[in-house]
Amino acid sequence: MKNFALISLLWGAVAFAQVPAEMDGMEYETRADGTFLIGGPTYAFDRVMGAGGVHSESELWTPAKLRNRLLFNRLSGTPDWTPYEPSVWVKTGNELGDLIYQDFITESNRPDNRTPILEGGFRSPSFMGFWATVRLFQDDHFCSGAYTYRRDAVEGNYSHFGENWPMFSSAYGGLGYTNSLVNASVLAGEEYLWFYTESSRWIPAHYKPRVEARADVGNLSVTLAYEDIEYQFKPKKEEGSRKELNGSVYYKCGKNCQQGMFQISAGMAFRAVDDEGTVYTELEEDRVAWPFMELRVQPVQRLTADVTFGVNERDWLVQDSVEYLAPAPEKMGVVVGVKNISGSRLNPLADTKEFFDGHEIDLTADGQMNLVQAYAAYVDTLGGIVSIGGRGSFWAEHGAETFDVDAYEVDEKNGMKFRYGDVSRINHWIKGLTAEMWLNTWYGDMFKFTAMTGFEHIDGPVNQAEVMPVEFYSGFMGDWLLNKTFKISHSLRYRSDARWNLRFSDPMVVKGDWVWDASFSQMFPKYGITLTGTLLHVLADEDVETVNGGYDRIRFICQAKKTF
């Protein structure tokens, strides 16, 4: 069991300082270990170095993402409708440069007005197992890049608060019930959001209402959502609507099951839509069901084989791995393994067509993709206060999903860049070699520090991929807990250049940069109160990281929270 505890440490050893992201689902903001290009709170290219392949992680369906939101073809963590634990909270913050700060600067050369973040809510304590919750939250950050396009596309302010046309503005309320066996909730609310498409447009979607029910009963998890979505595009006087029912049923291997040699979990995810008027995407046959199964075989304690597979009348997807825990000295763990991803589509639940200016964009590609990766990783704990580790991998991918561009277009009014074509494949091998190392040290609960670095070299026709990932990263993260009530967290990280190849005729280079994030939390345990202030994106240039995206600017966020 000590060896397996070490392996758990190994896979979590690249531990990040607990610098909170500005919103749930945007944790990639504070990560160092890969390519994270943020277009807005509802879209980012997220790829961990060493994951293998050239796709964004949110493009790939897995059972772990069953309760993530499907925004166009991405499984997104924001806007997140997962109820909080019993508490009351309020959060606000700004991109630095707002009028609130200008009185402290000068009378001349003042920066433009910047955009805020707003959140407030509560979840009541349980009464005989029953509880209530309300939450209103919106993230206006990253909104100035395509501001004029979004402003002119819709009627009104398209948000619950303010006039910034934020990427999302969400409000919900509901009831729940929790005991030792059951955790269930029903939430209903109204939401404005924008999702990013293959044509590089931001599409407005007004959910009025959205209703979501969740229930976890023992090992069974059920989710059901009803979404009444209204679309519009004011310049062309287009209007349309989509009524959608989606959800999942998932039976997970329980404690007794996990003690056996064979461990089986299974479930089904589904969507059904009813479109009227002008809508901008299509789901073939207006419905999709995706049955899937997970199987783990552990013939001996040190050898584990996992496979997840799903299939329906249109698509299939297999993700499998074999891992071996090699014998090693005490307090050291060594893992070697191989994994594979094969399938006709990374996300079989996504829509199958996009419509743009009289053109059809096919969101499915002929053939299949195959990704094979071999890896090795180790961790060694020294003296109970230091651990060192590393991992390396080699991967090769054939048939990676990409985009076959027919033409580009520029909207002269607002500078937006669009493209026409279809999703296609890179029918050649792309290969990658990855190496990563890290060092952790700690002193009880008072101090934790991580230093990490990684490198990846990719060969093959990478110019045909949507994004050329970063080649190098490094990061330094630390947590201090003073007097058991005051916590300081910070991270200093660097990533090398990344490049968008296909979003416009001239590739967009996102220059590498240093970023510093910091968070300060004062806790009052007697009263269950925590006050937190966070600075994000300090030191780095304020750049646009995605075509038609918003500026990633320095911002300050503060939160007050009381738990019950």
Protein backbone atom coordinates (compact mmCIF):
# COMPACT_ATOMS: atom_id res chain seq x y z
CA MET A 1 0.00 0.00 0.00
CA LYS A 2 2.95 2.34 0.60
CA ASN A 3 3.98 1.90 -3.01
CA PHE A 4 0.52 2.83 -4.24
CA ALA A 5 0.50 5.88 -1.97
CA LEU A 6 3.75 6.90 -3.62
CA ILE A 7 2.25 6.46 -7.06
CA SER A 8 -0.68 8.64 -6.06
CA LEU A 9 1.89 11.22 -5.04
CA LEU A 10 3.67 10.71 -8.35
CA TRP A 11 0.69 11.48 -10.56
CA GLY A 12 -0.22 14.44 -8.37
CA ALA A 13 3.35 15.51 -7.75
CA VAL A 14 3.19 18.45 -10.11
CA ALA A 15 1.28 20.17 -7.33
CA PHE A 16 0.13 23.69 -7.97
CA ALA A 17 -0.08 26.44 -5.40
CA GLN A 18 -3.66 27.01 -4.49
CA VAL A 19 -4.03 30.30 -6.35
CA PRO A 20 -7.78 30.32 -7.03
CA ALA A 21 -9.01 30.84 -10.57
CA GLU A 22 -11.43 33.70 -11.11
CA MET A 23 -14.30 31.27 -11.81
CA ASP A 24 -14.94 27.56 -11.44
CA GLY A 25 -13.86 25.73 -14.58
CA MET A 26 -11.02 28.15 -15.38
CA GLU A 27 -8.33 26.37 -13.35
CA TYR A 28 -6.11 26.19 -16.43
CA GLU A 29 -5.46 29.91 -15.85
CA THR A 30 -2.97 29.11 -13.10
CA ARG A 31 -1.36 26.03 -14.68
CA ALA A 32 2.19 26.01 -15.94
CA ASP A 33 2.54 22.55 -17.45
CA GLY A 34 1.37 22.96 -21.02
CA THR A 35 -0.42 25.05 -23.62
CA PHE A 36 -3.38 27.04 -22.27
CA LEU A 37 -4.58 29.74 -24.68
CA ILE A 38 -7.61 31.59 -23.36
CA GLY A 39 -10.11 33.12 -25.78
CA GLY A 40 -12.69 33.82 -23.09
CA PRO A 41 -14.37 32.19 -20.08
CA THR A 42 -16.33 29.87 -22.39
CA TYR A 43 -13.42 28.84 -24.63
CA ALA A 44 -9.76 27.92 -24.18
CA PHE A 45 -7.25 25.67 -25.89
CA ASP A 46 -6.13 23.45 -23.01
CA ARG A 47 -3.40 20.89 -23.56
CA VAL A 48 -1.21 19.45 -20.81
CA MET A 49 2.33 18.78 -21.97
CA GLY A 50 2.92 15.08 -22.38
CA ALA A 51 -0.77 14.30 -22.88
CA GLY A 52 0.04 13.09 -26.41
CA GLY A 53 -1.56 14.23 -29.63
CA VAL A 54 -2.22 17.78 -30.79
CA HIS A 55 -5.85 18.18 -29.67
CA SER A 56 -7.23 20.31 -26.85
CA GLU A 57 -8.19 18.31 -23.76
CA SER A 58 -11.74 19.74 -23.70
CA GLU A 59 -12.35 18.31 -27.19
CA LEU A 60 -11.97 14.72 -25.94
CA TRP A 61 -15.00 13.03 -24.37
CA THR A 62 -14.39 10.99 -21.21
CA PRO A 63 -16.76 9.72 -18.50
CA ALA A 64 -15.10 12.14 -16.05
CA LYS A 65 -16.66 15.03 -18.04
CA LEU A 66 -20.25 13.79 -17.98
CA ARG A 67 -21.38 16.81 -15.95
CA ASN A 68 -19.36 19.38 -17.85
CA ARG A 69 -21.26 21.75 -20.13
CA LEU A 70 -21.18 21.03 -23.87
CA LEU A 71 -20.52 24.39 -25.56
CA PHE A 72 -20.51 23.80 -29.30
CA ASN A 73 -17.95 20.94 -29.52
CA ARG A 74 -16.15 21.48 -26.20
CA LEU A 75 -16.82 19.95 -22.79
CA SER A 76 -16.41 23.05 -20.65
CA GLY A 77 -16.14 23.51 -16.90
CA THR A 78 -17.73 26.96 -17.06
CA PRO A 79 -20.42 28.12 -16.47
CA ASP A 80 -20.46 25.53 -13.68
CA TRP A 81 -23.80 24.58 -12.12
CA THR A 82 -22.39 22.29 -9.42
CA PRO A 83 -23.92 23.34 -6.06
CA TYR A 84 -21.46 24.56 -3.44
CA GLU A 85 -21.21 23.25 0.10
CA PRO A 86 -23.38 25.10 2.69
CA SER A 87 -22.08 28.68 2.70
CA VAL A 88 -22.73 32.26 1.64
CA TRP A 89 -20.27 34.14 -0.55
CA VAL A 90 -19.68 37.22 -2.65
CA LYS A 91 -16.91 37.82 -5.20
CA THR A 92 -15.91 40.77 -7.33
CA GLY A 93 -12.87 42.08 -9.14
CA ASN A 94 -11.59 43.99 -12.14
CA GLU A 95 -9.06 44.10 -14.87
CA LEU A 96 -6.65 46.70 -13.49
CA GLY A 97 -7.18 50.04 -15.20
CA ASP A 98 -10.84 50.61 -14.39
CA LEU A 99 -12.09 54.06 -13.37
CA ILE A 100 -12.03 52.90 -9.76
CA TYR A 101 -8.23 53.00 -9.91
CA GLN A 102 -7.76 56.03 -12.13
CA ASP A 103 -7.97 58.59 -9.33
CA PHE A 104 -4.69 57.16 -8.07
CA ILE A 105 -2.90 57.49 -11.40
CA THR A 106 -2.76 60.83 -13.25
CA GLU A 107 -5.06 63.28 -14.94
CA SER A 108 -3.64 62.39 -18.37
CA ASN A 109 -3.03 59.14 -20.19
CA ARG A 110 -5.59 57.27 -18.14
CA PRO A 111 -6.35 53.71 -19.25
CA ASP A 112 -9.67 52.79 -20.77
CA ASN A 113 -12.46 51.52 -18.60
CA ARG A 114 -11.99 47.82 -17.88
CA THR A 115 -14.40 45.00 -17.12
CA PRO A 116 -15.49 43.42 -13.81
CA ILE A 117 -16.31 40.02 -12.41
CA LEU A 118 -19.40 39.59 -10.24
CA GLU A 119 -20.65 36.67 -8.17
CA GLY A 120 -22.86 36.11 -5.15
CA GLY A 121 -24.82 33.24 -3.72
CA PHE A 122 -25.66 30.98 -0.84
CA ARG A 123 -26.46 27.40 -0.03
CA SER A 124 -28.42 26.91 3.14
CA PRO A 125 -27.60 24.40 5.85
CA SER A 126 -29.59 21.18 5.63
CA PHE A 127 -32.88 20.86 7.46
CA MET A 128 -33.88 17.20 7.72
CA GLY A 129 -31.67 16.69 4.65
CA PHE A 130 -33.26 19.46 2.54
CA TRP A 131 -31.42 22.61 1.43
CA ALA A 132 -31.79 25.56 -0.96
CA THR A 133 -29.28 27.42 -3.10
CA VAL A 134 -29.09 30.57 -5.25
CA ARG A 135 -26.16 31.77 -7.33
CA LEU A 136 -25.65 34.67 -9.74
CA PHE A 137 -22.30 34.97 -11.51
CA GLN A 138 -20.77 36.46 -14.63
CA ASP A 139 -17.25 36.93 -15.96
CA ASP A 140 -16.69 40.04 -18.07
CA HIS A 141 -12.92 39.48 -18.36
CA PHE A 142 -11.46 38.67 -21.81
CA CYS A 143 -14.39 40.59 -23.32
CA SER A 144 -12.80 43.60 -25.02
CA GLY A 145 -11.28 41.74 -27.99
CA ALA A 146 -14.53 41.06 -29.85
CA TYR A 147 -16.57 43.63 -27.92
CA THR A 148 -17.99 45.61 -30.85
CA TYR A 149 -18.94 42.42 -32.73
CA ARG A 150 -20.85 41.04 -29.75
CA ARG A 151 -22.46 44.39 -28.94
CA ASP A 152 -23.81 44.77 -32.49
CA ALA A 153 -24.96 41.14 -32.76
CA VAL A 154 -27.68 41.16 -30.07
CA GLU A 155 -30.47 43.26 -28.63
CA GLY A 156 -29.89 44.82 -25.22
CA ASN A 157 -26.96 44.27 -22.87
CA TYR A 158 -27.16 40.45 -23.05
CA SER A 159 -26.34 39.99 -19.38
CA HIS A 160 -27.91 40.17 -15.95
CA PHE A 161 -25.68 43.13 -14.99
CA GLY A 162 -23.74 45.85 -16.76
CA GLU A 163 -23.04 46.77 -20.36
CA ASN A 164 -19.90 44.79 -21.22
CA TRP A 165 -21.62 41.97 -23.15
CA PRO A 166 -19.75 39.37 -21.05
CA MET A 167 -18.88 35.92 -22.34
CA PHE A 168 -21.34 34.49 -19.84
CA SER A 169 -23.85 35.74 -17.30
CA SER A 170 -25.64 33.06 -15.32
CA ALA A 171 -28.21 32.90 -12.53
CA TYR A 172 -29.91 29.89 -10.97
CA GLY A 173 -31.71 28.75 -7.89
CA GLY A 174 -32.99 25.44 -6.64
CA LEU A 175 -33.54 22.83 -3.97
CA GLY A 176 -31.67 19.73 -2.93
CA TYR A 177 -31.64 16.77 -0.59
CA THR A 178 -28.60 15.11 0.95
CA ASN A 179 -28.11 12.20 3.33
CA SER A 180 -25.62 9.35 3.71
CA LEU A 181 -26.93 7.61 0.57
CA VAL A 182 -28.48 10.32 -1.61
CA ASN A 183 -27.28 13.66 -2.95
CA ALA A 184 -29.84 15.21 -5.29
CA SER A 185 -30.67 18.68 -6.59
CA VAL A 186 -32.92 20.50 -9.06
CA LEU A 187 -31.75 23.89 -10.34
CA ALA A 188 -33.45 26.35 -12.69
CA GLY A 189 -32.18 29.61 -14.08
CA GLU A 190 -31.53 32.00 -16.94
CA GLU A 191 -28.23 32.37 -18.76
CA TYR A 192 -26.54 34.42 -21.48
CA LEU A 193 -23.39 33.02 -23.04
CA TRP A 194 -21.26 32.99 -26.18
CA PHE A 195 -19.63 29.92 -27.65
CA TYR A 196 -16.74 29.81 -30.11
CA THR A 197 -17.17 27.89 -33.36
CA GLU A 198 -15.02 26.34 -36.08
CA SER A 199 -15.63 29.39 -38.28
CA SER A 200 -14.06 31.50 -35.46
CA ARG A 201 -17.37 33.27 -34.68
CA TRP A 202 -18.79 33.94 -31.26
CA ILE A 203 -22.42 32.71 -31.27
CA PRO A 204 -24.85 34.21 -28.69
CA ALA A 205 -27.10 31.79 -26.81
CA HIS A 206 -29.82 32.88 -24.37
CA TYR A 207 -31.01 30.05 -22.11
CA LYS A 208 -34.50 30.90 -20.86
CA PRO A 209 -34.76 28.75 -18.92
CA ARG A 210 -32.16 26.12 -18.24
CA VAL A 211 -33.19 23.39 -15.78
CA GLU A 212 -30.79 20.76 -14.46
CA ALA A 213 -31.47 17.83 -12.13
CA ARG A 214 -28.77 15.66 -10.58
CA ALA A 215 -28.98 12.62 -8.34
CA ASP A 216 -26.24 10.47 -6.84
CA VAL A 217 -27.66 7.37 -5.18
CA GLY A 218 -24.96 5.01 -4.01
CA ASN A 219 -22.90 4.18 -7.07
CA LEU A 220 -25.51 5.48 -9.53
CA SER A 221 -25.28 9.01 -10.94
CA VAL A 222 -28.05 10.55 -13.06
CA THR A 223 -28.10 13.97 -14.73
CA LEU A 224 -30.89 15.52 -16.79
CA ALA A 225 -30.96 19.04 -18.27
CA TYR A 226 -33.59 20.90 -20.27
CA GLU A 227 -32.38 23.93 -22.24
CA ASP A 228 -34.61 26.38 -24.12
CA ILE A 229 -32.05 28.35 -26.15
CA GLU A 230 -32.73 31.47 -28.19
CA TYR A 231 -30.30 32.55 -30.94
CA GLN A 232 -30.16 35.90 -32.71
CA PHE A 233 -27.98 37.92 -35.05
CA LYS A 234 -29.28 41.47 -35.22
CA PRO A 235 -27.42 42.73 -38.36
CA LYS A 236 -29.20 40.13 -40.51
CA LYS A 237 -32.39 40.07 -38.43
CA GLU A 238 -31.94 36.36 -37.82
CA GLU A 239 -33.72 34.56 -35.00
CA GLY A 240 -33.98 30.92 -34.02
CA SER A 241 -34.42 28.59 -31.09
CA ARG A 242 -33.34 25.18 -29.89
CA LYS A 243 -35.07 23.11 -27.25
CA GLU A 244 -32.61 20.51 -25.99
CA LEU A 245 -32.81 17.61 -23.56
CA ASN A 246 -29.49 16.12 -22.52
CA GLY A 247 -28.07 14.08 -19.68
CA SER A 248 -26.43 10.86 -18.59
CA VAL A 249 -26.82 7.74 -16.50
CA TYR A 250 -23.64 6.34 -14.98
CA TYR A 251 -23.14 3.31 -12.72
CA LYS A 252 -19.69 3.37 -11.19
CA CYS A 253 -17.77 0.44 -9.75
CA GLY A 254 -18.23 0.58 -5.95
CA LYS A 255 -16.04 -0.44 -3.03
CA ASN A 256 -16.87 -4.15 -3.24
CA CYS A 257 -16.39 -4.11 -7.00
CA GLN A 258 -12.99 -2.41 -6.67
CA GLN A 259 -11.68 -5.26 -4.55
CA GLY A 260 -12.06 -7.75 -7.40
CA MET A 261 -9.84 -8.59 -10.33
CA PHE A 262 -12.45 -7.26 -12.80
CA GLN A 263 -13.98 -3.84 -12.22
CA ILE A 264 -16.80 -2.66 -14.48
CA SER A 265 -18.58 0.67 -14.80
CA ALA A 266 -21.09 1.59 -17.50
CA GLY A 267 -23.44 4.33 -18.57
CA MET A 268 -25.06 6.30 -21.34
CA ALA A 269 -24.98 9.97 -22.35
CA PHE A 270 -27.59 11.45 -24.68
CA ARG A 271 -28.84 14.60 -26.42
CA ALA A 272 -32.04 15.40 -28.29
CA VAL A 273 -32.76 18.75 -29.96
CA ASP A 274 -35.69 20.49 -31.65
CA ASP A 275 -34.62 23.46 -33.81
CA GLU A 276 -36.77 26.27 -35.22
CA GLY A 277 -35.86 29.31 -37.28
CA THR A 278 -32.24 30.26 -37.90
CA VAL A 279 -29.84 28.20 -35.85
CA TYR A 280 -26.12 27.99 -36.45
CA THR A 281 -25.41 24.31 -35.81
CA GLU A 282 -27.08 21.00 -36.53
CA LEU A 283 -27.13 17.63 -34.80
CA GLU A 284 -27.67 14.85 -37.33
CA GLU A 285 -31.11 13.26 -36.89
CA ASP A 286 -31.65 15.70 -33.98
CA ARG A 287 -30.46 13.17 -31.44
CA VAL A 288 -27.49 11.16 -30.27
CA ALA A 289 -27.13 8.41 -27.65
CA TRP A 290 -23.72 7.31 -26.45
CA PRO A 291 -23.55 4.06 -24.44
CA PHE A 292 -20.14 3.40 -22.91
CA MET A 293 -18.34 1.01 -20.60
CA GLU A 294 -15.23 1.16 -18.42
CA LEU A 295 -13.31 -1.99 -17.57
CA ARG A 296 -10.32 -2.42 -15.28
CA VAL A 297 -8.44 -5.70 -15.02
CA GLN A 298 -5.87 -6.16 -12.26
CA PRO A 299 -4.52 -9.73 -12.45
CA VAL A 300 -1.73 -8.93 -9.98
CA GLN A 301 -1.25 -6.02 -7.61
CA ARG A 302 1.38 -4.29 -9.73
CA LEU A 303 -0.30 -4.61 -13.14
CA THR A 304 -3.42 -2.71 -14.18
CA ALA A 305 -5.20 -2.55 -17.53
CA ASP A 306 -7.95 0.01 -18.17
CA VAL A 307 -10.23 0.46 -21.15
CA THR A 308 -13.10 2.86 -21.84
CA PHE A 309 -15.09 2.39 -25.02
CA GLY A 310 -18.31 3.63 -26.55
CA VAL A 311 -20.12 3.06 -29.83
CA ASN A 312 -23.29 4.13 -31.60
CA GLU A 313 -24.57 4.09 -35.17
CA ARG A 314 -22.29 6.99 -36.19
CA ASP A 315 -19.15 6.89 -34.08
CA TRP A 316 -16.85 4.82 -31.90
CA LEU A 317 -14.14 5.76 -29.41
CA VAL A 318 -11.70 3.62 -27.41
CA GLN A 319 -9.31 4.84 -24.70
CA ASP A 320 -7.14 2.22 -23.02
CA SER A 321 -3.95 1.89 -21.03
CA VAL A 322 -1.72 -0.72 -19.39
CA GLU A 323 0.35 0.30 -16.34
CA TYR A 324 3.00 -1.57 -14.38
CA LEU A 325 4.29 -0.52 -10.96
CA ALA A 326 7.91 -1.64 -11.03
CA PRO A 327 9.64 -2.94 -7.88
CA ALA A 328 11.62 -0.11 -6.31
CA PRO A 329 13.34 0.81 -3.05
CA GLU A 330 11.30 2.04 -0.08
CA LYS A 331 9.76 5.51 -0.56
CA MET A 332 10.28 5.32 -4.30
CA GLY A 333 7.78 4.54 -7.03
CA VAL A 334 8.35 3.75 -10.70
CA VAL A 335 5.55 3.34 -13.24
CA VAL A 336 5.81 2.32 -16.88
CA GLY A 337 2.86 2.16 -19.20
CA VAL A 338 1.33 2.53 -22.60
CA LYS A 339 -1.96 4.14 -23.60
CA ASN A 340 -4.00 4.37 -26.77
CA ILE A 341 -6.83 6.55 -28.06
CA SER A 342 -8.60 5.49 -31.25
CA GLY A 343 -11.89 6.58 -32.68
CA SER A 344 -13.92 8.16 -35.41
CA ARG A 345 -14.46 11.36 -33.40
CA LEU A 346 -13.02 12.94 -30.25
CA ASN A 347 -16.45 14.04 -29.01
CA PRO A 348 -19.31 11.90 -30.36
CA LEU A 349 -21.93 14.04 -28.54
CA ALA A 350 -21.09 17.26 -30.38
CA ASP A 351 -23.07 18.79 -33.27
CA THR A 352 -22.31 17.58 -36.78
CA LYS A 353 -22.63 20.78 -38.88
CA GLU A 354 -22.13 24.51 -38.55
CA PHE A 355 -23.86 27.06 -40.80
CA PHE A 356 -22.09 30.28 -41.71
CA ASP A 357 -23.07 32.89 -44.29
CA GLY A 358 -24.80 30.35 -46.56
CA HIS A 359 -22.03 27.77 -46.18
CA GLU A 360 -22.10 24.40 -44.42
CA ILE A 361 -19.11 23.44 -42.30
CA ASP A 362 -18.89 19.69 -41.76
CA LEU A 363 -17.83 19.05 -38.16
CA THR A 364 -17.10 15.36 -38.74
CA ALA A 365 -14.14 13.89 -40.59
CA ASP A 366 -13.84 10.67 -42.57
CA GLY A 367 -11.61 7.90 -41.27
CA GLN A 368 -10.25 7.62 -37.74
CA MET A 369 -7.51 8.87 -35.46
CA ASN A 370 -5.00 6.70 -33.64
CA LEU A 371 -2.80 7.89 -30.80
CA VAL A 372 -0.26 5.60 -29.11
CA GLN A 373 1.89 6.71 -26.19
CA ALA A 374 4.50 4.98 -24.05
CA TYR A 375 5.55 6.61 -20.80
CA ALA A 376 7.60 6.14 -17.64
CA ALA A 377 7.44 8.11 -14.40
CA TYR A 378 9.09 8.00 -11.00
CA VAL A 379 8.97 9.72 -7.60
CA ASP A 380 11.42 9.48 -4.71
CA THR A 381 10.75 10.83 -1.23
CA LEU A 382 13.84 11.95 0.70
CA GLY A 383 13.76 12.39 4.45
CA GLY A 384 10.04 13.04 4.60
CA ILE A 385 10.39 16.69 3.53
CA VAL A 386 11.54 16.50 -0.10
CA SER A 387 10.35 14.55 -3.12
CA ILE A 388 11.78 14.55 -6.62
CA GLY A 389 10.21 13.06 -9.68
CA GLY A 390 10.01 13.02 -13.41
CA ARG A 391 8.31 11.46 -16.35
CA GLY A 392 9.01 10.99 -19.99
CA SER A 393 6.95 9.81 -22.91
CA PHE A 394 7.02 9.13 -26.61
CA TRP A 395 3.83 9.38 -28.64
CA ALA A 396 2.72 9.08 -32.23
CA GLU A 397 -0.62 10.13 -33.74
CA HIS A 398 -2.13 9.41 -37.14
CA GLY A 399 -5.37 10.97 -38.38
CA ALA A 400 -5.43 13.89 -35.94
CA GLU A 401 -8.47 16.14 -36.35
CA THR A 402 -7.76 19.47 -38.04
CA PHE A 403 -9.50 21.96 -40.35
CA ASP A 404 -9.36 22.00 -44.15
CA VAL A 405 -9.64 25.72 -44.98
CA ASP A 406 -11.37 26.79 -48.21
CA ALA A 407 -11.23 30.57 -47.66
CA TYR A 408 -10.69 33.31 -45.11
CA GLU A 409 -12.66 36.49 -44.55
CA VAL A 410 -12.16 39.69 -42.55
CA ASP A 411 -15.06 41.74 -41.23
CA GLU A 412 -13.82 45.22 -42.00
CA LYS A 413 -16.19 46.83 -39.48
CA ASN A 414 -14.81 45.15 -36.37
CA GLY A 415 -11.67 43.30 -37.53
CA MET A 416 -13.07 39.82 -36.87
CA LYS A 417 -11.41 37.00 -38.83
CA PHE A 418 -13.47 34.07 -40.11
CA ARG A 419 -12.83 30.92 -42.14
CA TYR A 420 -14.73 28.49 -44.37
CA GLY A 421 -14.06 24.80 -44.88
CA ASP A 422 -14.59 21.48 -43.08
CA VAL A 423 -13.12 19.50 -40.21
CA SER A 424 -10.65 17.00 -41.67
CA ARG A 425 -7.67 14.84 -40.70
CA ILE A 426 -3.90 14.94 -40.83
CA ASN A 427 -3.33 11.62 -42.56
CA HIS A 428 0.33 11.49 -41.60
CA TRP A 429 2.18 10.55 -38.45
CA ILE A 430 2.96 13.27 -35.92
CA LYS A 431 5.44 12.24 -33.22
CA GLY A 432 6.35 13.80 -29.89
CA LEU A 433 9.01 13.30 -27.23
CA THR A 434 8.36 14.71 -23.76
CA ALA A 435 10.44 15.04 -20.59
CA GLU A 436 9.36 16.63 -17.31
CA MET A 437 10.97 16.98 -13.87
CA TRP A 438 9.84 18.44 -10.55
CA LEU A 439 10.93 18.95 -6.96
CA ASN A 440 8.59 19.27 -3.99
CA THR A 441 9.54 20.31 -0.49
CA TRP A 442 7.40 21.03 2.55
CA TYR A 443 7.44 21.66 6.28
CA GLY A 444 4.29 20.34 7.87
CA ASP A 445 1.32 22.54 6.99
CA MET A 446 3.37 25.72 7.18
CA PHE A 447 5.23 25.61 3.89
CA LYS A 448 4.98 23.87 0.51
CA PHE A 449 7.08 24.55 -2.57
CA THR A 450 7.22 23.05 -6.06
CA ALA A 451 9.70 23.68 -8.86
CA MET A 452 8.99 22.10 -12.23
CA THR A 453 10.08 22.14 -15.82
CA GLY A 454 9.19 20.32 -19.01
CA PHE A 455 10.16 20.05 -22.65
CA GLU A 456 8.41 18.57 -25.70
CA HIS A 457 9.70 18.18 -29.24
CA ILE A 458 7.17 17.43 -31.98
CA ASP A 459 8.00 16.18 -35.48
CA GLY A 460 5.71 15.84 -38.48
CA PRO A 461 3.29 18.10 -40.37
CA VAL A 462 2.48 20.18 -37.29
CA ASN A 463 1.66 23.20 -39.48
CA GLN A 464 -1.51 21.32 -40.42
CA ALA A 465 -2.60 21.21 -36.77
CA GLU A 466 -4.86 23.88 -35.28
CA VAL A 467 -2.25 24.84 -32.68
CA MET A 468 1.49 24.31 -32.48
CA PRO A 469 1.95 23.65 -28.73
CA VAL A 470 4.63 25.22 -26.55
CA GLU A 471 7.99 23.45 -26.46
CA PHE A 472 9.10 24.44 -22.97
CA TYR A 473 7.65 25.46 -19.63
CA SER A 474 8.87 26.04 -16.09
CA GLY A 475 7.10 26.96 -12.89
CA PHE A 476 7.73 27.78 -9.23
CA MET A 477 4.83 27.53 -6.77
CA GLY A 478 4.68 28.09 -3.05
CA ASP A 479 2.17 28.08 -0.18
CA TRP A 480 2.73 29.58 3.28
CA LEU A 481 0.32 29.09 6.19
CA LEU A 482 1.04 31.52 9.01
CA ASN A 483 -0.49 31.11 12.46
CA LYS A 484 -2.82 28.54 10.89
CA THR A 485 -5.08 31.38 9.71
CA PHE A 486 -3.24 33.41 7.07
CA LYS A 487 -2.34 31.75 3.78
CA ILE A 488 -0.14 33.12 1.01
CA SER A 489 -0.02 31.29 -2.33
CA HIS A 490 1.87 32.29 -5.41
CA SER A 491 3.15 30.91 -8.69
CA LEU A 492 5.76 32.17 -11.12
CA ARG A 493 5.67 30.37 -14.46
CA TYR A 494 7.02 30.61 -17.97
CA ARG A 495 5.89 29.09 -21.24
CA SER A 496 7.51 29.34 -24.66
CA ASP A 497 5.78 30.43 -27.88
CA ALA A 498 2.62 28.77 -29.15
CA ARG A 499 1.07 29.31 -32.58
CA TRP A 500 -2.39 29.17 -34.15
CA ASN A 501 -1.87 27.83 -37.68
CA LEU A 502 -5.30 27.70 -39.32
CA ARG A 503 -7.55 30.35 -37.83
CA PHE A 504 -6.33 32.89 -40.40
CA SER A 505 -4.04 33.10 -43.43
CA ASP A 506 -1.22 34.53 -41.32
CA PRO A 507 -0.45 32.23 -38.39
CA MET A 508 -0.97 33.88 -35.02
CA VAL A 509 2.06 33.57 -32.74
CA VAL A 510 1.39 33.80 -28.99
CA LYS A 511 4.72 34.88 -27.56
CA GLY A 512 6.14 33.13 -24.54
CA ASP A 513 6.13 35.08 -21.30
CA TRP A 514 6.56 35.00 -17.53
CA VAL A 515 3.40 35.18 -15.41
CA TRP A 516 3.06 35.74 -11.66
CA ASP A 517 -0.14 34.94 -9.76
CA ALA A 518 -0.64 35.48 -6.04
CA SER A 519 -3.39 34.93 -3.49
CA PHE A 520 -3.77 36.07 0.13
CA SER A 521 -6.38 34.49 2.42
CA GLN A 522 -7.28 35.43 5.99
CA MET A 523 -9.32 32.76 7.76
CA PHE A 524 -11.44 33.14 10.87
CA PRO A 525 -12.07 29.49 11.81
CA LYS A 526 -14.26 30.33 14.81
CA TYR A 527 -16.76 32.06 12.53
CA GLY A 528 -16.22 29.99 9.36
CA ILE A 529 -15.22 33.13 7.42
CA THR A 530 -12.50 33.40 4.75
CA LEU A 531 -11.43 36.61 3.01
CA THR A 532 -9.35 36.16 -0.16
CA GLY A 533 -7.64 38.55 -2.53
CA THR A 534 -6.04 37.32 -5.75
CA LEU A 535 -3.85 38.88 -8.43
CA LEU A 536 -3.71 37.13 -11.81
CA HIS A 537 -1.51 37.58 -14.89
CA VAL A 538 0.98 39.95 -13.27
CA LEU A 539 4.27 40.63 -15.18
CA ALA A 540 3.05 39.20 -18.48
CA ASP A 541 2.14 41.25 -21.53
CA GLU A 542 -1.57 41.88 -22.01
CA ASP A 543 -2.09 39.86 -25.16
CA VAL A 544 -4.84 38.27 -27.22
CA GLU A 545 -4.13 34.52 -27.11
CA THR A 546 -6.84 33.27 -29.49
CA VAL A 547 -8.05 34.58 -32.84
CA ASN A 548 -11.08 36.81 -32.12
CA GLY A 549 -10.45 36.32 -28.41
CA GLY A 550 -10.11 38.86 -25.62
CA TYR A 551 -7.08 40.37 -23.91
CA ASP A 552 -5.54 38.40 -21.05
CA ARG A 553 -4.99 41.30 -18.67
CA ILE A 554 -3.78 41.83 -15.12
CA ARG A 555 -6.73 41.57 -12.77
CA PHE A 556 -7.58 41.61 -9.09
CA ILE A 557 -10.31 39.47 -7.53
CA CYS A 558 -11.56 39.43 -3.94
CA GLN A 559 -13.97 37.05 -2.22
CA ALA A 560 -15.68 36.84 1.15
CA LYS A 561 -17.11 33.46 2.12
CA LYS A 562 -18.77 32.07 5.23
CA THR A 563 -19.29 28.33 5.58
CA PHE A 564 -22.00 26.82 7.76
